[in-house]
Amino acid sequence: MGDPRMIVADLPPIFYRVLALVFGALWGSFFNVAIYRWPRDMSVVSPPSHCPACGAAVPWYRNLPILAFALQRGRAACCGAKMTPRYLLVEILGAVIALAVMERTLRLAGVDAPITPTLLEALTLFVFGGALLVAAFIDLEHMIIPDEVTLPGAALGLATVALRPDLDAADAALGAGVGYLTVQVLFVWSYEAVTGRRGMGEGDSKLLLLIGAFVGWQGSLFALVGGAMQGLVVAILAIALRRRMAPADEVSDDQGPFNQPGPVEARCEDREGAIAPLLEEPAEVEAAEESEEDEEPLVAPRKLPFGPFLALAALEWLFFGPTILDWYVGLFMTP
């Protein structure tokens, strides 16, 4: 496979698909580690995976992605404590992203493309998708996007632009700059100067720095506009749901879903079914007992992070960008 004379057609399509699924699921396990540890200022390397309920180390054969959760029926083998469903979800999404990236890369490269640069391109795009996945899940729980995700990711996107033939270095640099400065200048600095509070967090501007470095200025602007539109729809639904399900005296105008968060500790309420799930380490478990507050009626969350919508729109552009552009242009073209 490392022979530079090999081309894509030398290996059957099923090889690439199985490789992508297994590779993505394995890295999904690492994504779970990053999602749990980075917001808590913990190393993703040490200590190795262990059960927080009883402290037992998790052996490799009980840390197999997807299979371990299914075979153990969502419970830790060491003590039987319940595992968070996020563990399984992230590994499945990692596999799906890897498969989608592989299909996209092979389709655009063609069957006569050299296999080594084609797989390297797929690898860099998978890193991009994985970074978006990690950022989205961390933002869902903690309302922050760690620099450990965005800054190294943006640097990698700019450094590996030569591996992505559909993007040149100038477009990547422009995309990173446009994405970052648009949010930082308009929605952080300027908004704060006018209103006294920030309209968006700096984590969002750094996430757009990462997005622009991988998909250019068009993708960066699409992520900002498309993410805002999709976030607005969810925000409206969240407000409507809250007003329907919460008592009238609990609803006020200052409880909008885009209120700015405080520090990591001031995160969304961890109610069952809320938008911010309990996130824990791979093959690790939900050890805390449910409190009386956990049994309160379900209401829509008061805060809605923007990062997941930026990440979703960036993936939409990565996989469907030309189709979206053709559709949009077609709206304004006369027959």
C-alpha atoms as a PDB file:
ATOM      1  CA  MET A   1       0.000   0.000   0.000  1.00  0.00           C
ATOM      2  CA  GLY A   2       2.941   2.320   0.549  1.00  0.00           C
ATOM      3  CA  ASP A   3       4.287   1.783  -2.971  1.00  0.00           C
ATOM      4  CA  PRO A   4       4.004   5.167  -4.731  1.00  0.00           C
ATOM      5  CA  ARG A   5       3.308   3.350  -7.995  1.00  0.00           C
ATOM      6  CA  MET A   6       0.069   1.902  -6.636  1.00  0.00           C
ATOM      7  CA  ILE A   7      -3.159   3.600  -7.628  1.00  0.00           C
ATOM      8  CA  VAL A   8      -6.582   3.642  -6.043  1.00  0.00           C
ATOM      9  CA  ALA A   9      -7.933   1.009  -8.426  1.00  0.00           C
ATOM     10  CA  ASP A  10      -5.347  -1.537  -7.238  1.00  0.00           C
ATOM     11  CA  LEU A  11      -7.381  -2.206  -4.098  1.00  0.00           C
ATOM     12  CA  PRO A  12     -11.093  -3.123  -3.939  1.00  0.00           C
ATOM     13  CA  PRO A  13     -13.586  -0.499  -2.647  1.00  0.00           C
ATOM     14  CA  ILE A  14     -14.497  -2.707   0.330  1.00  0.00           C
ATOM     15  CA  PHE A  15     -10.913  -2.404   1.589  1.00  0.00           C
ATOM     16  CA  TYR A  16     -11.144   1.370   1.850  1.00  0.00           C
ATOM     17  CA  ARG A  17     -14.552   1.247   3.501  1.00  0.00           C
ATOM     18  CA  VAL A  18     -13.612  -1.313   6.136  1.00  0.00           C
ATOM     19  CA  LEU A  19     -10.354   0.507   6.788  1.00  0.00           C
ATOM     20  CA  ALA A  20     -12.211   3.788   7.287  1.00  0.00           C
ATOM     21  CA  LEU A  21     -14.858   2.325   9.597  1.00  0.00           C
ATOM     22  CA  VAL A  22     -12.358   0.548  11.846  1.00  0.00           C
ATOM     23  CA  PHE A  23      -9.946   3.490  11.865  1.00  0.00           C
ATOM     24  CA  GLY A  24     -12.697   5.975  12.651  1.00  0.00           C
ATOM     25  CA  ALA A  25     -14.166   3.899  15.469  1.00  0.00           C
ATOM     26  CA  LEU A  26     -10.743   3.419  17.065  1.00  0.00           C
ATOM     27  CA  TRP A  27     -10.075   7.136  17.007  1.00  0.00           C
ATOM     28  CA  GLY A  28     -13.598   7.716  18.284  1.00  0.00           C
ATOM     29  CA  SER A  29     -12.422   6.105  21.517  1.00  0.00           C
ATOM     30  CA  PHE A  30      -9.647   8.698  21.746  1.00  0.00           C
ATOM     31  CA  PHE A  31     -12.123  11.473  20.973  1.00  0.00           C
ATOM     32  CA  ASN A  32     -14.059  10.370  24.058  1.00  0.00           C
ATOM     33  CA  VAL A  33     -10.922  10.729  26.141  1.00  0.00           C
ATOM     34  CA  ALA A  34     -10.335  14.256  24.794  1.00  0.00           C
ATOM     35  CA  ILE A  35     -13.979  15.243  25.340  1.00  0.00           C
ATOM     36  CA  TYR A  36     -13.790  14.220  28.973  1.00  0.00           C
ATOM     37  CA  ARG A  37     -10.277  15.327  29.909  1.00  0.00           C
ATOM     38  CA  TRP A  38      -9.435  18.534  28.029  1.00  0.00           C
ATOM     39  CA  PRO A  39     -12.102  20.711  29.711  1.00  0.00           C
ATOM     40  CA  ARG A  40     -10.843  19.406  33.072  1.00  0.00           C
ATOM     41  CA  ASP A  41      -7.196  20.250  32.292  1.00  0.00           C
ATOM     42  CA  MET A  42      -6.238  16.578  32.302  1.00  0.00           C
ATOM     43  CA  SER A  43      -3.731  14.812  30.095  1.00  0.00           C
ATOM     44  CA  VAL A  44      -5.139  12.616  27.339  1.00  0.00           C
ATOM     45  CA  VAL A  45      -2.193  10.249  27.753  1.00  0.00           C
ATOM     46  CA  SER A  46      -1.919   9.640  31.486  1.00  0.00           C
ATOM     47  CA  PRO A  47      -3.414   8.023  33.442  1.00  0.00           C
ATOM     48  CA  PRO A  48      -4.738   5.204  31.241  1.00  0.00           C
ATOM     49  CA  SER A  49      -8.474   4.583  31.020  1.00  0.00           C
ATOM     50  CA  HIS A  50      -9.989   3.564  34.324  1.00  0.00           C
ATOM     51  CA  CYS A  51     -13.412   3.238  35.906  1.00  0.00           C
ATOM     52  CA  PRO A  52     -14.303   6.315  38.004  1.00  0.00           C
ATOM     53  CA  ALA A  53     -16.843   4.282  39.957  1.00  0.00           C
ATOM     54  CA  CYS A  54     -14.389   1.755  41.407  1.00  0.00           C
ATOM     55  CA  GLY A  55     -10.994   2.901  40.081  1.00  0.00           C
ATOM     56  CA  ALA A  56     -10.249  -0.319  38.208  1.00  0.00           C
ATOM     57  CA  ALA A  57      -8.077  -0.085  35.098  1.00  0.00           C
ATOM     58  CA  VAL A  58      -9.836  -0.804  31.811  1.00  0.00           C
ATOM     59  CA  PRO A  59      -7.955  -3.493  29.824  1.00  0.00           C
ATOM     60  CA  TRP A  60      -7.663  -3.064  26.057  1.00  0.00           C
ATOM     61  CA  TYR A  61     -10.090  -5.871  25.250  1.00  0.00           C
ATOM     62  CA  ARG A  62     -12.794  -4.078  27.243  1.00  0.00           C
ATOM     63  CA  ASN A  63     -12.036  -0.830  25.466  1.00  0.00           C
ATOM     64  CA  LEU A  64     -12.801  -2.003  21.938  1.00  0.00           C
ATOM     65  CA  PRO A  65     -14.888   0.685  20.240  1.00  0.00           C
ATOM     66  CA  ILE A  66     -18.623   0.014  19.822  1.00  0.00           C
ATOM     67  CA  LEU A  67     -18.217  -3.714  20.580  1.00  0.00           C
ATOM     68  CA  ALA A  68     -17.331  -3.193  24.239  1.00  0.00           C
ATOM     69  CA  PHE A  69     -20.409  -1.071  24.881  1.00  0.00           C
ATOM     70  CA  ALA A  70     -22.692  -3.513  23.071  1.00  0.00           C
ATOM     71  CA  LEU A  71     -21.298  -6.687  24.663  1.00  0.00           C
ATOM     72  CA  GLN A  72     -21.341  -5.169  28.134  1.00  0.00           C
ATOM     73  CA  ARG A  73     -24.865  -3.815  27.573  1.00  0.00           C
ATOM     74  CA  GLY A  74     -23.827  -0.323  28.511  1.00  0.00           C
ATOM     75  CA  ARG A  75     -22.383  -1.240  31.891  1.00  0.00           C
ATOM     76  CA  ALA A  76     -18.846  -1.467  33.266  1.00  0.00           C
ATOM     77  CA  ALA A  77     -17.532  -5.012  33.485  1.00  0.00           C
ATOM     78  CA  CYS A  78     -15.629  -4.264  36.699  1.00  0.00           C
ATOM     79  CA  CYS A  79     -18.473  -3.039  38.901  1.00  0.00           C
ATOM     80  CA  GLY A  80     -21.629  -2.930  36.770  1.00  0.00           C
ATOM     81  CA  ALA A  81     -22.060   0.847  36.880  1.00  0.00           C
ATOM     82  CA  LYS A  82     -23.924   2.425  33.969  1.00  0.00           C
ATOM     83  CA  MET A  83     -21.859   3.819  31.081  1.00  0.00           C
ATOM     84  CA  THR A  84     -22.776   7.097  29.435  1.00  0.00           C
ATOM     85  CA  PRO A  85     -24.349   6.671  25.960  1.00  0.00           C
ATOM     86  CA  ARG A  86     -22.010   9.402  24.684  1.00  0.00           C
ATOM     87  CA  TYR A  87     -19.253   6.796  24.652  1.00  0.00           C
ATOM     88  CA  LEU A  88     -21.048   4.758  21.999  1.00  0.00           C
ATOM     89  CA  LEU A  89     -22.361   7.762  20.063  1.00  0.00           C
ATOM     90  CA  VAL A  90     -18.949   9.384  19.566  1.00  0.00           C
ATOM     91  CA  GLU A  91     -17.373   6.135  18.371  1.00  0.00           C
ATOM     92  CA  ILE A  92     -20.173   5.602  15.853  1.00  0.00           C
ATOM     93  CA  LEU A  93     -19.852   9.191  14.639  1.00  0.00           C
ATOM     94  CA  GLY A  94     -16.079   8.768  14.350  1.00  0.00           C
ATOM     95  CA  ALA A  95     -16.612   5.737  12.110  1.00  0.00           C
ATOM     96  CA  VAL A  96     -19.248   7.526  10.022  1.00  0.00           C
ATOM     97  CA  ILE A  97     -17.054  10.603   9.523  1.00  0.00           C
ATOM     98  CA  ALA A  98     -14.099   8.442   8.501  1.00  0.00           C
ATOM     99  CA  LEU A  99     -16.218   6.558   5.971  1.00  0.00           C
ATOM    100  CA  ALA A 100     -17.696   9.762   4.562  1.00  0.00           C
ATOM    101  CA  VAL A 101     -14.235  11.335   4.240  1.00  0.00           C
ATOM    102  CA  MET A 102     -12.897   8.241   2.489  1.00  0.00           C
ATOM    103  CA  GLU A 103     -15.787   8.149   0.019  1.00  0.00           C
ATOM    104  CA  ARG A 104     -15.404  11.859  -0.734  1.00  0.00           C
ATOM    105  CA  THR A 105     -11.652  11.641  -1.217  1.00  0.00           C
ATOM    106  CA  LEU A 106     -11.780   8.598  -3.477  1.00  0.00           C
ATOM    107  CA  ARG A 107     -14.592  10.069  -5.567  1.00  0.00           C
ATOM    108  CA  LEU A 108     -12.763  13.327  -6.194  1.00  0.00           C
ATOM    109  CA  ALA A 109      -9.345  11.710  -6.720  1.00  0.00           C
ATOM    110  CA  GLY A 110     -10.506   9.078  -9.226  1.00  0.00           C
ATOM    111  CA  VAL A 111      -9.459   5.474  -9.651  1.00  0.00           C
ATOM    112  CA  ASP A 112      -6.175   6.409 -11.353  1.00  0.00           C
ATOM    113  CA  ALA A 113      -4.921   8.588  -8.493  1.00  0.00           C
ATOM    114  CA  PRO A 114      -1.785   7.499  -6.570  1.00  0.00           C
ATOM    115  CA  ILE A 115      -2.850   5.747  -3.416  1.00  0.00           C
ATOM    116  CA  THR A 116      -0.405   7.298  -0.929  1.00  0.00           C
ATOM    117  CA  PRO A 117      -1.304  10.995  -1.382  1.00  0.00           C
ATOM    118  CA  THR A 118      -4.983  10.055  -1.633  1.00  0.00           C
ATOM    119  CA  LEU A 119      -4.938   8.327   1.758  1.00  0.00           C
ATOM    120  CA  LEU A 120      -2.932  11.180   3.275  1.00  0.00           C
ATOM    121  CA  GLU A 121      -5.557  13.628   2.084  1.00  0.00           C
ATOM    122  CA  ALA A 122      -8.282  11.476   3.626  1.00  0.00           C
ATOM    123  CA  LEU A 123      -6.302  11.348   6.875  1.00  0.00           C
ATOM    124  CA  THR A 124      -6.025  15.133   7.149  1.00  0.00           C
ATOM    125  CA  LEU A 125      -9.734  15.579   6.463  1.00  0.00           C
ATOM    126  CA  PHE A 126     -10.556  12.968   9.090  1.00  0.00           C
ATOM    127  CA  VAL A 127      -8.499  14.926  11.617  1.00  0.00           C
ATOM    128  CA  PHE A 128     -10.594  17.948  10.679  1.00  0.00           C
ATOM    129  CA  GLY A 129     -13.836  16.046  11.168  1.00  0.00           C
ATOM    130  CA  GLY A 130     -12.606  14.592  14.450  1.00  0.00           C
ATOM    131  CA  ALA A 131     -11.653  18.029  15.753  1.00  0.00           C
ATOM    132  CA  LEU A 132     -15.136  19.313  14.914  1.00  0.00           C
ATOM    133  CA  LEU A 133     -16.674  16.338  16.694  1.00  0.00           C
ATOM    134  CA  VAL A 134     -14.616  16.891  19.853  1.00  0.00           C
ATOM    135  CA  ALA A 135     -15.279  20.639  19.848  1.00  0.00           C
ATOM    136  CA  ALA A 136     -19.028  20.120  19.436  1.00  0.00           C
ATOM    137  CA  PHE A 137     -19.399  17.675  22.322  1.00  0.00           C
ATOM    138  CA  ILE A 138     -17.224  19.717  24.680  1.00  0.00           C
ATOM    139  CA  ASP A 139     -19.187  22.852  23.854  1.00  0.00           C
ATOM    140  CA  LEU A 140     -22.467  21.030  24.458  1.00  0.00           C
ATOM    141  CA  GLU A 141     -21.529  20.252  28.050  1.00  0.00           C
ATOM    142  CA  HIS A 142     -19.146  22.986  29.134  1.00  0.00           C
ATOM    143  CA  MET A 143     -20.029  25.893  26.835  1.00  0.00           C
ATOM    144  CA  ILE A 144     -16.345  26.232  25.935  1.00  0.00           C
ATOM    145  CA  ILE A 145     -14.136  25.139  23.036  1.00  0.00           C
ATOM    146  CA  PRO A 146     -10.613  24.323  24.273  1.00  0.00           C
ATOM    147  CA  ASP A 147      -7.583  25.753  22.477  1.00  0.00           C
ATOM    148  CA  GLU A 148      -6.170  22.205  22.437  1.00  0.00           C
ATOM    149  CA  VAL A 149      -8.710  21.445  19.699  1.00  0.00           C
ATOM    150  CA  THR A 150      -8.709  24.580  17.584  1.00  0.00           C
ATOM    151  CA  LEU A 151      -5.187  25.994  17.524  1.00  0.00           C
ATOM    152  CA  PRO A 152      -3.216  22.814  16.671  1.00  0.00           C
ATOM    153  CA  GLY A 153      -6.014  21.882  14.265  1.00  0.00           C
ATOM    154  CA  ALA A 154      -5.767  25.202  12.433  1.00  0.00           C
ATOM    155  CA  ALA A 155      -1.977  24.896  12.228  1.00  0.00           C
ATOM    156  CA  LEU A 156      -2.328  21.389  10.788  1.00  0.00           C
ATOM    157  CA  GLY A 157      -4.894  22.590   8.260  1.00  0.00           C
ATOM    158  CA  LEU A 158      -2.544  25.290   6.970  1.00  0.00           C
ATOM    159  CA  ALA A 159       0.521  23.014   7.010  1.00  0.00           C
ATOM    160  CA  THR A 160      -1.156  20.220   5.029  1.00  0.00           C
ATOM    161  CA  VAL A 161      -2.964  22.316   2.441  1.00  0.00           C
ATOM    162  CA  ALA A 162      -0.745  20.850  -0.304  1.00  0.00           C
ATOM    163  CA  LEU A 163      -2.377  17.463   0.360  1.00  0.00           C
ATOM    164  CA  ARG A 164      -5.814  18.839  -0.563  1.00  0.00           C
ATOM    165  CA  PRO A 165      -5.853  19.622  -4.303  1.00  0.00           C
ATOM    166  CA  ASP A 166      -9.217  21.408  -4.156  1.00  0.00           C
ATOM    167  CA  LEU A 167      -7.746  24.160  -1.940  1.00  0.00           C
ATOM    168  CA  ASP A 168      -4.663  26.329  -2.293  1.00  0.00           C
ATOM    169  CA  ALA A 169      -2.541  27.931   0.420  1.00  0.00           C
ATOM    170  CA  ALA A 170      -3.888  31.441  -0.186  1.00  0.00           C
ATOM    171  CA  ASP A 171      -7.495  30.276   0.123  1.00  0.00           C
ATOM    172  CA  ALA A 172      -6.724  28.365   3.324  1.00  0.00           C
ATOM    173  CA  ALA A 173      -4.945  31.351   4.884  1.00  0.00           C
ATOM    174  CA  LEU A 174      -7.707  33.723   3.801  1.00  0.00           C
ATOM    175  CA  GLY A 175     -10.353  31.359   5.125  1.00  0.00           C
ATOM    176  CA  ALA A 176      -8.653  31.087   8.495  1.00  0.00           C
ATOM    177  CA  GLY A 177      -8.245  34.853   8.753  1.00  0.00           C
ATOM    178  CA  VAL A 178     -11.751  35.717   7.559  1.00  0.00           C
ATOM    179  CA  GLY A 179     -13.373  33.186   9.838  1.00  0.00           C
ATOM    180  CA  TYR A 180     -11.475  34.262  12.921  1.00  0.00           C
ATOM    181  CA  LEU A 181     -11.649  38.033  12.411  1.00  0.00           C
ATOM    182  CA  THR A 182     -15.310  38.111  11.407  1.00  0.00           C
ATOM    183  CA  VAL A 183     -16.393  36.668  14.726  1.00  0.00           C
ATOM    184  CA  GLN A 184     -13.656  38.212  16.853  1.00  0.00           C
ATOM    185  CA  VAL A 185     -14.079  41.767  15.551  1.00  0.00           C
ATOM    186  CA  LEU A 186     -17.854  41.904  15.039  1.00  0.00           C
ATOM    187  CA  PHE A 187     -19.301  39.574  17.647  1.00  0.00           C
ATOM    188  CA  VAL A 188     -16.690  39.673  20.403  1.00  0.00           C
ATOM    189  CA  TRP A 189     -14.827  43.017  20.523  1.00  0.00           C
ATOM    190  CA  SER A 190     -17.333  45.325  18.788  1.00  0.00           C
ATOM    191  CA  TYR A 191     -20.425  43.754  20.355  1.00  0.00           C
ATOM    192  CA  GLU A 192     -18.831  43.996  23.796  1.00  0.00           C
ATOM    193  CA  ALA A 193     -17.870  47.636  23.224  1.00  0.00           C
ATOM    194  CA  VAL A 194     -21.467  48.530  22.322  1.00  0.00           C
ATOM    195  CA  THR A 195     -23.464  46.369  24.732  1.00  0.00           C
ATOM    196  CA  GLY A 196     -21.021  45.659  27.540  1.00  0.00           C
ATOM    197  CA  ARG A 197     -21.196  41.897  26.988  1.00  0.00           C
ATOM    198  CA  ARG A 198     -19.978  39.505  24.340  1.00  0.00           C
ATOM    199  CA  GLY A 199     -22.253  38.248  21.622  1.00  0.00           C
ATOM    200  CA  MET A 200     -20.110  35.151  21.025  1.00  0.00           C
ATOM    201  CA  GLY A 201     -17.178  33.500  22.752  1.00  0.00           C
ATOM    202  CA  GLU A 202     -13.578  33.511  21.588  1.00  0.00           C
ATOM    203  CA  GLY A 203     -13.789  29.743  21.262  1.00  0.00           C
ATOM    204  CA  ASP A 204     -16.202  30.219  18.363  1.00  0.00           C
ATOM    205  CA  SER A 205     -13.798  32.537  16.537  1.00  0.00           C
ATOM    206  CA  LYS A 206     -10.966  30.046  16.996  1.00  0.00           C
ATOM    207  CA  LEU A 207     -13.215  27.256  15.739  1.00  0.00           C
ATOM    208  CA  LEU A 208     -13.812  29.275  12.570  1.00  0.00           C
ATOM    209  CA  LEU A 209     -10.041  29.728  12.332  1.00  0.00           C
ATOM    210  CA  LEU A 210      -9.799  25.930  12.218  1.00  0.00           C
ATOM    211  CA  ILE A 211     -12.666  25.609   9.742  1.00  0.00           C
ATOM    212  CA  GLY A 212     -11.257  28.196   7.356  1.00  0.00           C
ATOM    213  CA  ALA A 213      -7.821  26.562   7.401  1.00  0.00           C
ATOM    214  CA  PHE A 214      -9.362  23.340   6.072  1.00  0.00           C
ATOM    215  CA  VAL A 215     -12.154  24.505   3.751  1.00  0.00           C
ATOM    216  CA  GLY A 216     -11.197  28.049   2.750  1.00  0.00           C
ATOM    217  CA  TRP A 217     -13.042  31.345   2.973  1.00  0.00           C
ATOM    218  CA  GLN A 218     -16.222  30.105   1.303  1.00  0.00           C
ATOM    219  CA  GLY A 219     -16.509  27.213   3.723  1.00  0.00           C
ATOM    220  CA  SER A 220     -15.747  29.494   6.648  1.00  0.00           C
ATOM    221  CA  LEU A 221     -18.478  31.972   5.725  1.00  0.00           C
ATOM    222  CA  PHE A 222     -20.925  29.150   5.020  1.00  0.00           C
ATOM    223  CA  ALA A 223     -20.216  27.649   8.452  1.00  0.00           C
ATOM    224  CA  LEU A 224     -20.895  31.020  10.092  1.00  0.00           C
ATOM    225  CA  VAL A 225     -24.106  31.787   8.177  1.00  0.00           C
ATOM    226  CA  GLY A 226     -25.391  28.222   7.938  1.00  0.00           C
ATOM    227  CA  GLY A 227     -24.549  27.512  11.558  1.00  0.00           C
ATOM    228  CA  ALA A 228     -26.349  30.679  12.673  1.00  0.00           C
ATOM    229  CA  MET A 229     -29.468  29.797  10.669  1.00  0.00           C
ATOM    230  CA  GLN A 230     -29.609  26.246  11.999  1.00  0.00           C
ATOM    231  CA  GLY A 231     -28.880  27.431  15.516  1.00  0.00           C
ATOM    232  CA  LEU A 232     -31.663  30.007  15.266  1.00  0.00           C
ATOM    233  CA  VAL A 233     -34.166  27.321  14.293  1.00  0.00           C
ATOM    234  CA  VAL A 234     -33.159  25.165  17.262  1.00  0.00           C
ATOM    235  CA  ALA A 235     -33.203  28.199  19.569  1.00  0.00           C
ATOM    236  CA  ILE A 236     -36.744  29.069  18.543  1.00  0.00           C
ATOM    237  CA  LEU A 237     -37.843  25.483  19.095  1.00  0.00           C
ATOM    238  CA  ALA A 238     -36.076  25.421  22.465  1.00  0.00           C
ATOM    239  CA  ILE A 239     -37.806  28.616  23.604  1.00  0.00           C
ATOM    240  CA  ALA A 240     -41.184  27.322  22.433  1.00  0.00           C
ATOM    241  CA  LEU A 241     -40.618  24.005  24.198  1.00  0.00           C
ATOM    242  CA  ARG A 242     -39.575  25.708  27.399  1.00  0.00           C
ATOM    243  CA  ARG A 243     -42.580  28.015  27.403  1.00  0.00           C
ATOM    244  CA  ARG A 244     -44.878  25.045  26.809  1.00  0.00           C
ATOM    245  CA  MET A 245     -43.408  22.752  29.489  1.00  0.00           C
ATOM    246  CA  ALA A 246     -42.132  25.132  32.198  1.00  0.00           C
ATOM    247  CA  PRO A 247     -44.373  26.920  34.711  1.00  0.00           C
ATOM    248  CA  ALA A 248     -45.170  30.468  33.651  1.00  0.00           C
ATOM    249  CA  ASP A 249     -43.261  32.058  36.557  1.00  0.00           C
ATOM    250  CA  GLU A 250     -40.033  30.274  35.523  1.00  0.00           C
ATOM    251  CA  VAL A 251     -39.906  31.838  32.056  1.00  0.00           C
ATOM    252  CA  SER A 252     -38.334  35.265  31.675  1.00  0.00           C
ATOM    253  CA  ASP A 253     -36.825  37.292  28.875  1.00  0.00           C
ATOM    254  CA  ASP A 254     -33.276  36.863  30.201  1.00  0.00           C
ATOM    255  CA  GLN A 255     -33.323  33.099  29.816  1.00  0.00           C
ATOM    256  CA  GLY A 256     -32.677  32.930  26.101  1.00  0.00           C
ATOM    257  CA  PRO A 257     -30.714  29.986  24.715  1.00  0.00           C
ATOM    258  CA  PHE A 258     -27.785  32.142  23.601  1.00  0.00           C
ATOM    259  CA  ASN A 259     -27.011  33.693  27.009  1.00  0.00           C
ATOM    260  CA  GLN A 260     -23.281  33.790  27.587  1.00  0.00           C
ATOM    261  CA  PRO A 261     -21.909  31.091  29.934  1.00  0.00           C
ATOM    262  CA  GLY A 262     -19.711  31.564  32.934  1.00  0.00           C
ATOM    263  CA  PRO A 263     -16.693  29.359  33.742  1.00  0.00           C
ATOM    264  CA  VAL A 264     -16.600  25.629  33.176  1.00  0.00           C
ATOM    265  CA  GLU A 265     -18.443  24.973  36.419  1.00  0.00           C
ATOM    266  CA  ALA A 266     -21.428  27.077  35.260  1.00  0.00           C
ATOM    267  CA  ARG A 267     -22.552  24.579  32.667  1.00  0.00           C
ATOM    268  CA  CYS A 268     -25.993  23.508  31.473  1.00  0.00           C
ATOM    269  CA  GLU A 269     -28.054  21.550  33.956  1.00  0.00           C
ATOM    270  CA  ASP A 270     -27.408  17.820  33.686  1.00  0.00           C
ATOM    271  CA  ARG A 271     -31.008  16.740  33.449  1.00  0.00           C
ATOM    272  CA  GLU A 272     -31.958  13.572  31.647  1.00  0.00           C
ATOM    273  CA  GLY A 273     -32.566  14.390  27.999  1.00  0.00           C
ATOM    274  CA  ALA A 274     -31.125  17.916  28.194  1.00  0.00           C
ATOM    275  CA  ILE A 275     -28.926  19.180  25.394  1.00  0.00           C
ATOM    276  CA  ALA A 276     -25.808  18.889  27.580  1.00  0.00           C
ATOM    277  CA  PRO A 277     -25.295  15.172  28.313  1.00  0.00           C
ATOM    278  CA  LEU A 278     -23.107  13.728  31.036  1.00  0.00           C
ATOM    279  CA  LEU A 279     -19.765  13.173  29.369  1.00  0.00           C
ATOM    280  CA  GLU A 280     -17.265  10.692  30.715  1.00  0.00           C
ATOM    281  CA  GLU A 281     -14.129   8.854  29.717  1.00  0.00           C
ATOM    282  CA  PRO A 282     -14.284   5.894  27.263  1.00  0.00           C
ATOM    283  CA  ALA A 283     -15.133   2.627  28.933  1.00  0.00           C
ATOM    284  CA  GLU A 284     -15.758   4.654  32.058  1.00  0.00           C
ATOM    285  CA  VAL A 285     -19.052   4.973  33.821  1.00  0.00           C
ATOM    286  CA  GLU A 286     -21.650   7.239  35.287  1.00  0.00           C
ATOM    287  CA  ALA A 287     -20.963   6.760  38.991  1.00  0.00           C
ATOM    288  CA  ALA A 288     -22.944   9.597  40.605  1.00  0.00           C
ATOM    289  CA  GLU A 289     -26.357   8.693  41.987  1.00  0.00           C
ATOM    290  CA  GLU A 290     -29.357  10.530  40.611  1.00  0.00           C
ATOM    291  CA  SER A 291     -30.455  13.423  42.793  1.00  0.00           C
ATOM    292  CA  GLU A 292     -33.975  14.727  43.280  1.00  0.00           C
ATOM    293  CA  GLU A 293     -33.165  17.494  40.794  1.00  0.00           C
ATOM    294  CA  ASP A 294     -32.530  14.886  38.098  1.00  0.00           C
ATOM    295  CA  GLU A 295     -36.139  13.803  38.398  1.00  0.00           C
ATOM    296  CA  GLU A 296     -37.590  17.231  37.589  1.00  0.00           C
ATOM    297  CA  PRO A 297     -39.786  17.534  34.487  1.00  0.00           C
ATOM    298  CA  LEU A 298     -37.885  17.948  31.245  1.00  0.00           C
ATOM    299  CA  VAL A 299     -37.587  21.520  30.001  1.00  0.00           C
ATOM    300  CA  ALA A 300     -35.623  22.994  27.151  1.00  0.00           C
ATOM    301  CA  PRO A 301     -32.106  24.164  28.107  1.00  0.00           C
ATOM    302  CA  ARG A 302     -31.551  27.871  28.834  1.00  0.00           C
ATOM    303  CA  LYS A 303     -28.217  28.044  27.049  1.00  0.00           C
ATOM    304  CA  LEU A 304     -27.475  26.830  23.564  1.00  0.00           C
ATOM    305  CA  PRO A 305     -23.824  26.671  22.472  1.00  0.00           C
ATOM    306  CA  PHE A 306     -22.955  27.839  18.963  1.00  0.00           C
ATOM    307  CA  GLY A 307     -19.967  25.541  18.393  1.00  0.00           C
ATOM    308  CA  PRO A 308     -21.984  22.427  17.455  1.00  0.00           C
ATOM    309  CA  PHE A 309     -23.840  24.374  14.759  1.00  0.00           C
ATOM    310  CA  LEU A 310     -20.585  25.751  13.340  1.00  0.00           C
ATOM    311  CA  ALA A 311     -19.202  22.215  13.270  1.00  0.00           C
ATOM    312  CA  LEU A 312     -22.325  20.815  11.612  1.00  0.00           C
ATOM    313  CA  ALA A 313     -22.349  23.503   8.928  1.00  0.00           C
ATOM    314  CA  ALA A 314     -18.631  22.970   8.273  1.00  0.00           C
ATOM    315  CA  LEU A 315     -19.235  19.262   7.681  1.00  0.00           C
ATOM    316  CA  GLU A 316     -22.161  20.095   5.424  1.00  0.00           C
ATOM    317  CA  TRP A 317     -19.867  22.283   3.350  1.00  0.00           C
ATOM    318  CA  LEU A 318     -17.110  19.669   3.267  1.00  0.00           C
ATOM    319  CA  PHE A 319     -19.384  16.959   1.894  1.00  0.00           C
ATOM    320  CA  PHE A 320     -22.057  18.904   0.015  1.00  0.00           C
ATOM    321  CA  GLY A 321     -20.484  22.279  -0.798  1.00  0.00           C
ATOM    322  CA  PRO A 322     -20.822  22.199  -4.614  1.00  0.00           C
ATOM    323  CA  THR A 323     -24.360  20.854  -4.395  1.00  0.00           C
ATOM    324  CA  ILE A 324     -25.356  23.590  -1.959  1.00  0.00           C
ATOM    325  CA  LEU A 325     -23.814  26.281  -4.177  1.00  0.00           C
ATOM    326  CA  ASP A 326     -25.568  24.933  -7.283  1.00  0.00           C
ATOM    327  CA  TRP A 327     -28.891  24.888  -5.457  1.00  0.00           C
ATOM    328  CA  TYR A 328     -28.418  28.404  -4.122  1.00  0.00           C
ATOM    329  CA  VAL A 329     -27.407  29.843  -7.506  1.00  0.00           C
ATOM    330  CA  GLY A 330     -30.344  28.059  -9.110  1.00  0.00           C
ATOM    331  CA  LEU A 331     -32.752  29.976  -6.885  1.00  0.00           C
ATOM    332  CA  PHE A 332     -31.807  33.219  -8.624  1.00  0.00           C
ATOM    333  CA  MET A 333     -31.467  31.983 -12.188  1.00  0.00           C
ATOM    334  CA  THR A 334     -34.395  32.462 -14.522  1.00  0.00           C
ATOM    335  CA  PRO A 335     -35.442  29.518 -16.702  1.00  0.00           C
END
